[in-house]
Amino acid sequence: MAAQDRDNVCSKCFELNDAAATYCIECGAPLGDDPSSDGSDIEVYNEITQANLQRMRGNYDEAKEICLSILKRFPNNGTTHTLLGDINAEQGDVEQAAQWYEMALDLRPESETDQRKLAAVQERLKDRESTSTVE
């Protein structure tokens, strides 16, 4: 491939991508000036859908396995980080859920949904701590 065809540099991992690419082939981060770009969500849409279906069915281990498989290929996929936060929150592991939501916000700081989800699990953490302090 000619050098002029690979002039889209990822700001997250510095991988050289095709000029027409909308997400990084290495890490999945959105490329270009459009902050609303779905990034690697397009590439892994079916897997994210499958993981969410498994979550809704209560098959949390299967859902986590799918998500972790996605993150091995696209570590900057914010949707997958959020989904892992959702899975852990539903399982009651609010500490782990908070970590996943924080990572999602590192990738997409403008996400109001992730901000609300993080605030909700942080509130649950506070409630849990005050309950254990009272006991």
N, C-alpha and C. Protein backbone atom coordinates (compact mmCIF):
# COMPACT_ATOMS: atom_id res chain seq x y z
N MET A 1 0.84 -1.17 0.00
CA MET A 1 0.00 0.00 0.00
C MET A 1 0.89 1.24 0.00
N ALA A 2 0.55 2.20 -0.78
CA ALA A 2 1.36 3.42 -0.90
C ALA A 2 1.26 4.24 0.37
N ALA A 3 2.31 5.00 0.65
CA ALA A 3 2.35 5.80 1.88
C ALA A 3 1.21 6.80 1.93
N GLN A 4 0.81 7.37 0.78
CA GLN A 4 -0.26 8.38 0.81
C GLN A 4 -1.61 7.74 1.16
N ASP A 5 -1.74 6.41 1.01
CA ASP A 5 -2.98 5.74 1.36
C ASP A 5 -3.05 5.38 2.85
N ARG A 6 -1.98 5.56 3.57
CA ARG A 6 -1.94 5.21 4.99
C ARG A 6 -1.50 6.41 5.81
N ASP A 7 -2.29 7.48 5.76
CA ASP A 7 -1.89 8.69 6.44
C ASP A 7 -2.81 9.08 7.59
N ASN A 8 -3.60 8.15 8.07
CA ASN A 8 -4.52 8.41 9.17
C ASN A 8 -3.92 7.79 10.43
N VAL A 9 -3.28 8.60 11.27
CA VAL A 9 -2.59 8.10 12.46
C VAL A 9 -3.54 8.12 13.66
N CYS A 10 -3.60 7.01 14.37
CA CYS A 10 -4.44 6.90 15.56
C CYS A 10 -3.84 7.72 16.70
N SER A 11 -4.67 8.53 17.34
CA SER A 11 -4.19 9.35 18.44
C SER A 11 -4.01 8.55 19.73
N LYS A 12 -4.56 7.33 19.80
CA LYS A 12 -4.44 6.50 21.00
C LYS A 12 -3.20 5.60 20.96
N CYS A 13 -2.98 4.92 19.81
CA CYS A 13 -1.88 3.95 19.76
C CYS A 13 -0.85 4.28 18.67
N PHE A 14 -1.11 5.34 17.90
CA PHE A 14 -0.20 5.82 16.86
C PHE A 14 -0.02 4.86 15.69
N GLU A 15 -0.97 3.96 15.51
CA GLU A 15 -0.96 3.06 14.36
C GLU A 15 -1.30 3.84 13.10
N LEU A 16 -0.60 3.51 12.00
CA LEU A 16 -0.92 4.10 10.70
C LEU A 16 -2.08 3.35 10.09
N ASN A 17 -3.12 4.07 9.71
CA ASN A 17 -4.33 3.47 9.15
C ASN A 17 -4.58 4.00 7.75
N ASP A 18 -5.42 3.29 7.00
CA ASP A 18 -5.83 3.76 5.69
C ASP A 18 -6.47 5.14 5.83
N ALA A 19 -6.29 5.97 4.81
CA ALA A 19 -6.83 7.32 4.83
C ALA A 19 -8.35 7.32 5.00
N ALA A 20 -9.03 6.32 4.47
CA ALA A 20 -10.49 6.27 4.54
C ALA A 20 -11.01 5.58 5.80
N ALA A 21 -10.11 5.06 6.65
CA ALA A 21 -10.54 4.31 7.83
C ALA A 21 -11.27 5.22 8.81
N THR A 22 -12.30 4.67 9.45
CA THR A 22 -13.06 5.43 10.45
C THR A 22 -12.69 5.03 11.87
N TYR A 23 -12.01 3.89 12.01
CA TYR A 23 -11.52 3.46 13.31
C TYR A 23 -10.17 2.79 13.14
N CYS A 24 -9.39 2.75 14.20
CA CYS A 24 -8.04 2.20 14.14
C CYS A 24 -8.07 0.68 14.01
N ILE A 25 -7.28 0.17 13.07
CA ILE A 25 -7.23 -1.27 12.87
C ILE A 25 -6.51 -1.98 14.02
N GLU A 26 -5.74 -1.25 14.80
CA GLU A 26 -4.98 -1.85 15.90
C GLU A 26 -5.76 -1.85 17.21
N CYS A 27 -6.32 -0.69 17.59
CA CYS A 27 -6.94 -0.58 18.92
C CYS A 27 -8.44 -0.30 18.88
N GLY A 28 -8.99 0.04 17.72
CA GLY A 28 -10.42 0.26 17.62
C GLY A 28 -10.88 1.66 17.94
N ALA A 29 -9.97 2.57 18.25
CA ALA A 29 -10.35 3.95 18.57
C ALA A 29 -10.90 4.65 17.34
N PRO A 30 -11.88 5.55 17.53
CA PRO A 30 -12.39 6.30 16.38
C PRO A 30 -11.30 7.20 15.80
N LEU A 31 -11.31 7.34 14.48
CA LEU A 31 -10.34 8.19 13.79
C LEU A 31 -11.06 9.40 13.20
N GLY A 32 -10.34 10.45 12.96
CA GLY A 32 -10.90 11.61 12.30
C GLY A 32 -11.46 12.62 13.28
N ASP A 33 -12.19 13.58 12.72
CA ASP A 33 -12.69 14.69 13.52
C ASP A 33 -14.05 14.45 14.12
N ASP A 34 -14.71 13.36 13.77
CA ASP A 34 -16.07 13.11 14.24
C ASP A 34 -16.03 12.40 15.59
N PRO A 35 -16.26 13.14 16.71
CA PRO A 35 -16.20 12.51 18.02
C PRO A 35 -17.33 11.53 18.27
N SER A 36 -18.38 11.57 17.44
CA SER A 36 -19.49 10.65 17.63
C SER A 36 -19.30 9.35 16.87
N SER A 37 -18.15 9.21 16.21
CA SER A 37 -17.88 7.99 15.45
C SER A 37 -17.99 6.77 16.35
N ASP A 38 -18.56 5.69 15.81
CA ASP A 38 -18.73 4.48 16.58
C ASP A 38 -17.45 3.69 16.74
N GLY A 39 -16.40 4.08 16.02
CA GLY A 39 -15.14 3.37 16.14
C GLY A 39 -15.29 1.91 15.81
N SER A 40 -14.69 1.04 16.60
CA SER A 40 -14.69 -0.39 16.30
C SER A 40 -16.04 -1.05 16.57
N ASP A 41 -17.02 -0.31 17.09
CA ASP A 41 -18.35 -0.89 17.30
C ASP A 41 -18.89 -1.48 16.00
N ILE A 42 -18.58 -0.85 14.90
CA ILE A 42 -19.04 -1.34 13.60
C ILE A 42 -18.46 -2.73 13.33
N GLU A 43 -17.20 -2.89 13.64
CA GLU A 43 -16.50 -4.15 13.39
C GLU A 43 -17.01 -5.28 14.30
N VAL A 44 -17.36 -4.96 15.52
CA VAL A 44 -17.72 -5.99 16.50
C VAL A 44 -19.19 -5.93 16.92
N TYR A 45 -20.01 -5.29 16.10
CA TYR A 45 -21.42 -5.12 16.44
C TYR A 45 -22.10 -6.45 16.80
N ASN A 46 -21.90 -7.46 15.98
CA ASN A 46 -22.55 -8.76 16.25
C ASN A 46 -22.09 -9.37 17.56
N GLU A 47 -20.81 -9.22 17.88
CA GLU A 47 -20.29 -9.77 19.13
C GLU A 47 -20.83 -9.00 20.34
N ILE A 48 -20.90 -7.69 20.23
CA ILE A 48 -21.46 -6.88 21.33
C ILE A 48 -22.92 -7.25 21.55
N THR A 49 -23.65 -7.43 20.45
CA THR A 49 -25.05 -7.83 20.54
C THR A 49 -25.18 -9.19 21.23
N GLN A 50 -24.33 -10.12 20.85
CA GLN A 50 -24.35 -11.46 21.46
C GLN A 50 -24.02 -11.38 22.94
N ALA A 51 -23.01 -10.59 23.29
CA ALA A 51 -22.64 -10.45 24.71
C ALA A 51 -23.79 -9.83 25.51
N ASN A 52 -24.44 -8.84 24.95
CA ASN A 52 -25.56 -8.21 25.65
C ASN A 52 -26.73 -9.18 25.80
N LEU A 53 -26.98 -9.99 24.78
CA LEU A 53 -28.03 -11.00 24.86
C LEU A 53 -27.72 -12.00 25.98
N GLN A 54 -26.46 -12.44 26.06
CA GLN A 54 -26.07 -13.37 27.12
C GLN A 54 -26.24 -12.71 28.50
N ARG A 55 -25.91 -11.42 28.60
CA ARG A 55 -26.09 -10.68 29.86
C ARG A 55 -27.56 -10.67 30.24
N MET A 56 -28.43 -10.36 29.28
CA MET A 56 -29.87 -10.28 29.57
C MET A 56 -30.44 -11.64 29.95
N ARG A 57 -29.84 -12.72 29.45
CA ARG A 57 -30.28 -14.07 29.81
C ARG A 57 -29.69 -14.53 31.14
N GLY A 58 -28.80 -13.74 31.71
CA GLY A 58 -28.17 -14.11 32.97
C GLY A 58 -26.94 -14.98 32.81
N ASN A 59 -26.47 -15.15 31.59
CA ASN A 59 -25.26 -15.92 31.32
C ASN A 59 -24.05 -14.99 31.39
N TYR A 60 -23.76 -14.54 32.60
CA TYR A 60 -22.75 -13.50 32.79
C TYR A 60 -21.34 -13.95 32.39
N ASP A 61 -21.00 -15.19 32.69
CA ASP A 61 -19.66 -15.66 32.33
C ASP A 61 -19.46 -15.67 30.82
N GLU A 62 -20.47 -16.11 30.09
CA GLU A 62 -20.41 -16.12 28.63
C GLU A 62 -20.30 -14.69 28.10
N ALA A 63 -21.09 -13.79 28.66
CA ALA A 63 -21.07 -12.38 28.23
C ALA A 63 -19.69 -11.77 28.47
N LYS A 64 -19.12 -12.04 29.64
CA LYS A 64 -17.79 -11.52 29.95
C LYS A 64 -16.74 -12.07 29.00
N GLU A 65 -16.84 -13.35 28.70
CA GLU A 65 -15.89 -13.98 27.80
C GLU A 65 -15.91 -13.32 26.41
N ILE A 66 -17.10 -13.04 25.91
CA ILE A 66 -17.23 -12.38 24.61
C ILE A 66 -16.62 -10.98 24.67
N CYS A 67 -16.94 -10.26 25.74
CA CYS A 67 -16.41 -8.89 25.89
C CYS A 67 -14.88 -8.88 25.96
N LEU A 68 -14.34 -9.79 26.73
CA LEU A 68 -12.88 -9.83 26.86
C LEU A 68 -12.21 -10.22 25.54
N SER A 69 -12.88 -11.04 24.76
CA SER A 69 -12.38 -11.38 23.43
C SER A 69 -12.34 -10.14 22.54
N ILE A 70 -13.36 -9.32 22.63
CA ILE A 70 -13.40 -8.07 21.86
C ILE A 70 -12.25 -7.17 22.29
N LEU A 71 -12.06 -7.03 23.61
CA LEU A 71 -11.03 -6.12 24.12
C LEU A 71 -9.62 -6.58 23.80
N LYS A 72 -9.43 -7.86 23.57
CA LYS A 72 -8.10 -8.33 23.15
C LYS A 72 -7.75 -7.77 21.78
N ARG A 73 -8.76 -7.60 20.93
CA ARG A 73 -8.54 -7.07 19.59
C ARG A 73 -8.69 -5.56 19.54
N PHE A 74 -9.61 -5.01 20.32
CA PHE A 74 -9.91 -3.58 20.30
C PHE A 74 -9.95 -3.06 21.74
N PRO A 75 -8.79 -2.85 22.36
CA PRO A 75 -8.76 -2.45 23.77
C PRO A 75 -9.40 -1.09 24.04
N ASN A 76 -9.60 -0.28 23.03
CA ASN A 76 -10.21 1.03 23.22
C ASN A 76 -11.68 1.07 22.83
N ASN A 77 -12.33 -0.07 22.83
CA ASN A 77 -13.75 -0.11 22.50
C ASN A 77 -14.57 0.26 23.73
N GLY A 78 -15.04 1.49 23.77
CA GLY A 78 -15.77 2.00 24.93
C GLY A 78 -17.06 1.27 25.21
N THR A 79 -17.76 0.84 24.18
CA THR A 79 -19.02 0.13 24.37
C THR A 79 -18.80 -1.16 25.14
N THR A 80 -17.72 -1.85 24.85
CA THR A 80 -17.43 -3.11 25.55
C THR A 80 -17.07 -2.85 27.01
N HIS A 81 -16.34 -1.77 27.28
CA HIS A 81 -16.03 -1.43 28.67
C HIS A 81 -17.33 -1.15 29.44
N THR A 82 -18.23 -0.42 28.80
CA THR A 82 -19.51 -0.11 29.44
C THR A 82 -20.31 -1.39 29.70
N LEU A 83 -20.34 -2.27 28.73
CA LEU A 83 -21.08 -3.52 28.89
C LEU A 83 -20.49 -4.36 30.02
N LEU A 84 -19.18 -4.39 30.15
CA LEU A 84 -18.57 -5.11 31.27
C LEU A 84 -18.94 -4.44 32.60
N GLY A 85 -19.05 -3.13 32.60
CA GLY A 85 -19.53 -2.43 33.80
C GLY A 85 -20.94 -2.84 34.14
N ASP A 86 -21.80 -2.92 33.13
CA ASP A 86 -23.19 -3.33 33.34
C ASP A 86 -23.27 -4.75 33.90
N ILE A 87 -22.48 -5.64 33.33
CA ILE A 87 -22.49 -7.03 33.78
C ILE A 87 -22.08 -7.12 35.25
N ASN A 88 -20.98 -6.44 35.59
CA ASN A 88 -20.51 -6.49 36.97
C ASN A 88 -21.48 -5.81 37.93
N ALA A 89 -22.10 -4.73 37.50
CA ALA A 89 -23.09 -4.05 38.35
C ALA A 89 -24.27 -4.97 38.64
N GLU A 90 -24.74 -5.67 37.62
CA GLU A 90 -25.86 -6.59 37.80
C GLU A 90 -25.50 -7.75 38.71
N GLN A 91 -24.24 -8.14 38.71
CA GLN A 91 -23.78 -9.22 39.57
C GLN A 91 -23.49 -8.74 40.99
N GLY A 92 -23.59 -7.44 41.22
CA GLY A 92 -23.33 -6.88 42.55
C GLY A 92 -21.89 -6.53 42.82
N ASP A 93 -21.02 -6.68 41.84
CA ASP A 93 -19.61 -6.33 42.00
C ASP A 93 -19.43 -4.87 41.58
N VAL A 94 -19.88 -3.96 42.46
CA VAL A 94 -19.90 -2.54 42.11
C VAL A 94 -18.50 -1.94 42.02
N GLU A 95 -17.54 -2.49 42.75
CA GLU A 95 -16.17 -2.00 42.65
C GLU A 95 -15.63 -2.23 41.23
N GLN A 96 -15.82 -3.45 40.74
CA GLN A 96 -15.35 -3.79 39.40
C GLN A 96 -16.15 -3.01 38.35
N ALA A 97 -17.44 -2.86 38.57
CA ALA A 97 -18.28 -2.10 37.63
C ALA A 97 -17.77 -0.66 37.53
N ALA A 98 -17.44 -0.07 38.66
CA ALA A 98 -16.93 1.31 38.65
C ALA A 98 -15.65 1.41 37.84
N GLN A 99 -14.78 0.42 37.96
CA GLN A 99 -13.54 0.45 37.20
C GLN A 99 -13.80 0.38 35.69
N TRP A 100 -14.75 -0.46 35.28
CA TRP A 100 -15.07 -0.56 33.86
C TRP A 100 -15.69 0.74 33.35
N TYR A 101 -16.58 1.34 34.14
CA TYR A 101 -17.19 2.61 33.72
C TYR A 101 -16.14 3.72 33.64
N GLU A 102 -15.19 3.72 34.58
CA GLU A 102 -14.13 4.73 34.53
C GLU A 102 -13.28 4.56 33.27
N MET A 103 -12.99 3.31 32.90
CA MET A 103 -12.22 3.08 31.66
C MET A 103 -13.02 3.53 30.44
N ALA A 104 -14.33 3.27 30.45
CA ALA A 104 -15.17 3.73 29.34
C ALA A 104 -15.14 5.25 29.25
N LEU A 105 -15.18 5.91 30.40
CA LEU A 105 -15.14 7.38 30.40
C LEU A 105 -13.77 7.92 29.98
N ASP A 106 -12.72 7.18 30.26
CA ASP A 106 -11.40 7.60 29.76
C ASP A 106 -11.40 7.63 28.23
N LEU A 107 -12.14 6.70 27.63
CA LEU A 107 -12.21 6.62 26.18
C LEU A 107 -13.23 7.58 25.58
N ARG A 108 -14.33 7.79 26.33
CA ARG A 108 -15.41 8.65 25.85
C ARG A 108 -15.86 9.57 26.97
N PRO A 109 -15.07 10.59 27.30
CA PRO A 109 -15.39 11.44 28.46
C PRO A 109 -16.71 12.18 28.33
N GLU A 110 -17.22 12.33 27.11
CA GLU A 110 -18.47 13.06 26.90
C GLU A 110 -19.70 12.19 27.13
N SER A 111 -19.54 10.92 27.38
CA SER A 111 -20.66 9.99 27.50
C SER A 111 -21.44 10.23 28.79
N GLU A 112 -22.61 10.82 28.65
CA GLU A 112 -23.47 11.07 29.81
C GLU A 112 -23.99 9.77 30.40
N THR A 113 -24.22 8.78 29.56
CA THR A 113 -24.70 7.48 30.04
C THR A 113 -23.67 6.85 30.96
N ASP A 114 -22.40 6.84 30.53
CA ASP A 114 -21.35 6.27 31.37
C ASP A 114 -21.18 7.07 32.66
N GLN A 115 -21.31 8.37 32.58
CA GLN A 115 -21.21 9.21 33.78
C GLN A 115 -22.32 8.86 34.77
N ARG A 116 -23.55 8.68 34.28
CA ARG A 116 -24.67 8.31 35.16
C ARG A 116 -24.47 6.94 35.77
N LYS A 117 -24.01 5.99 34.96
CA LYS A 117 -23.79 4.64 35.46
C LYS A 117 -22.70 4.62 36.52
N LEU A 118 -21.63 5.37 36.29
CA LEU A 118 -20.55 5.44 37.28
C LEU A 118 -21.05 6.07 38.57
N ALA A 119 -21.82 7.14 38.46
CA ALA A 119 -22.37 7.80 39.65
C ALA A 119 -23.27 6.84 40.44
N ALA A 120 -24.05 6.04 39.73
CA ALA A 120 -24.96 5.09 40.39
C ALA A 120 -24.19 4.02 41.16
N VAL A 121 -23.14 3.46 40.56
CA VAL A 121 -22.38 2.43 41.29
C VAL A 121 -21.56 3.04 42.41
N GLN A 122 -21.11 4.27 42.24
CA GLN A 122 -20.38 4.94 43.33
C GLN A 122 -21.33 5.19 44.51
N GLU A 123 -22.57 5.51 44.21
CA GLU A 123 -23.56 5.70 45.27
C GLU A 123 -23.83 4.38 45.99
N ARG A 124 -23.91 3.30 45.23
CA ARG A 124 -24.08 1.97 45.85
C ARG A 124 -22.89 1.63 46.73
N LEU A 125 -21.68 2.01 46.29
CA LEU A 125 -20.48 1.77 47.10
C LEU A 125 -20.55 2.55 48.40
N LYS A 126 -20.97 3.81 48.30
CA LYS A 126 -21.09 4.65 49.51
C LYS A 126 -22.11 4.06 50.47
N ASP A 127 -23.25 3.63 49.95
CA ASP A 127 -24.29 3.03 50.79
C ASP A 127 -23.77 1.78 51.48
N ARG A 128 -23.04 0.98 50.74
CA ARG A 128 -22.49 -0.26 51.30
C ARG A 128 -21.49 0.06 52.41
N GLU A 129 -20.63 1.08 52.17
CA GLU A 129 -19.65 1.45 53.18
C GLU A 129 -20.31 2.01 54.43
N SER A 130 -21.35 2.83 54.26
CA SER A 130 -22.00 3.39 55.46
C SER A 130 -22.77 2.32 56.20
N THR A 131 -23.30 1.33 55.51
CA THR A 131 -24.00 0.24 56.17
C THR A 131 -23.01 -0.59 56.97
N SER A 132 -21.85 -0.88 56.41
CA SER A 132 -20.86 -1.68 57.14
C SER A 132 -20.25 -0.90 58.29
N THR A 133 -20.18 0.43 58.17
CA THR A 133 -19.66 1.25 59.27
C THR A 133 -20.63 1.24 60.46
N VAL A 134 -21.92 1.31 60.16
CA VAL A 134 -22.95 1.31 61.21
C VAL A 134 -22.95 -0.01 61.95
N GLU A 135 -22.74 -1.10 61.23
CA GLU A 135 -22.74 -2.42 61.87
C GLU A 135 -21.49 -2.55 62.70
